[in-house]
Amino acid sequence: MKPVDVRAKSTEELNDQLLQLKKEQFNLRFQRASGQLENTARVQVVRRDIARIKTILGERTRSAEAGK
């Protein structure tokens, strides 16, 4: 997921996607602990996607507060 794609989505969509990614991250952690994780690179991709979404949401929050 690229930052341009994240910025194009609404705040509500980003919150939904953030929740979905956190659930996936939780499941990946369990798979890794039990030795069933096949695609180990997916853990890093999910973490970076979560960080991207949180960054964009933070930017939007700060710009909304500055606009007041």
Protein backbone atom coordinates (compact mmCIF):
# COMPACT_ATOMS: atom_id res chain seq x y z
CA MET A 1 0.00 0.00 0.00
CA LYS A 2 1.39 3.36 -1.01
CA PRO A 3 0.88 6.63 0.89
CA VAL A 4 -0.99 8.04 -2.10
CA ASP A 5 -3.53 5.23 -1.81
CA VAL A 6 -3.93 5.86 1.91
CA ARG A 7 -4.44 9.61 1.47
CA ALA A 8 -7.18 8.96 -1.11
CA LYS A 9 -9.34 7.13 1.44
CA SER A 10 -11.70 8.73 3.93
CA THR A 11 -10.98 8.76 7.65
CA GLU A 12 -13.72 6.22 8.28
CA GLU A 13 -12.28 3.85 5.68
CA LEU A 14 -8.84 4.23 7.22
CA ASN A 15 -10.14 3.41 10.69
CA ASP A 16 -11.84 0.28 9.33
CA GLN A 17 -8.70 -0.79 7.51
CA LEU A 18 -6.59 -0.11 10.60
CA LEU A 19 -8.82 -2.40 12.65
CA GLN A 20 -8.59 -5.11 10.00
CA LEU A 21 -4.79 -4.86 9.84
CA LYS A 22 -4.47 -5.06 13.63
CA LYS A 23 -6.55 -8.25 13.61
CA GLU A 24 -4.32 -9.67 10.88
CA GLN A 25 -1.23 -8.71 12.86
CA PHE A 26 -2.64 -10.50 15.90
CA ASN A 27 -3.26 -13.65 13.86
CA LEU A 28 0.21 -13.49 12.31
CA ARG A 29 1.79 -13.31 15.76
CA PHE A 30 -0.04 -16.48 16.80
CA GLN A 31 0.98 -18.24 13.61
CA ARG A 32 4.61 -17.27 14.15
CA ALA A 33 4.55 -18.45 17.77
CA SER A 34 3.08 -21.82 16.82
CA GLY A 35 5.43 -22.27 13.86
CA GLN A 36 2.69 -22.18 11.22
CA LEU A 37 3.67 -18.88 9.59
CA GLU A 38 4.70 -19.48 5.99
CA ASN A 39 5.06 -15.93 4.67
CA THR A 40 7.27 -14.23 7.26
CA ALA A 41 7.57 -11.06 5.17
CA ARG A 42 3.84 -10.41 5.64
CA VAL A 43 4.47 -9.44 9.29
CA GLN A 44 6.67 -6.53 8.23
CA VAL A 45 4.28 -5.44 5.47
CA VAL A 46 1.36 -5.32 7.90
CA ARG A 47 3.38 -3.35 10.45
CA ARG A 48 4.36 -0.77 7.85
CA ASP A 49 0.79 -0.45 6.58
CA ILE A 50 -0.42 0.17 10.13
CA ALA A 51 2.25 2.84 10.57
CA ARG A 52 1.30 4.52 7.29
CA ILE A 53 -2.37 4.67 8.24
CA LYS A 54 -1.61 6.02 11.72
CA THR A 55 0.67 8.67 10.23
CA ILE A 56 -1.97 9.89 7.78
CA LEU A 57 -4.67 9.91 10.48
CA GLY A 58 -2.35 11.93 12.74
CA GLU A 59 -1.67 14.43 9.98
CA ARG A 60 -5.39 14.86 9.40
CA THR A 61 -6.03 15.35 13.11
CA ARG A 62 -3.30 17.98 13.43
CA SER A 63 -4.44 19.86 10.34
CA ALA A 64 -8.04 19.87 11.60
CA GLU A 65 -6.91 21.28 14.94
CA ALA A 66 -4.77 23.92 13.24
CA GLY A 67 -7.74 24.96 11.11
CA LYS A 68 -9.87 25.76 14.14
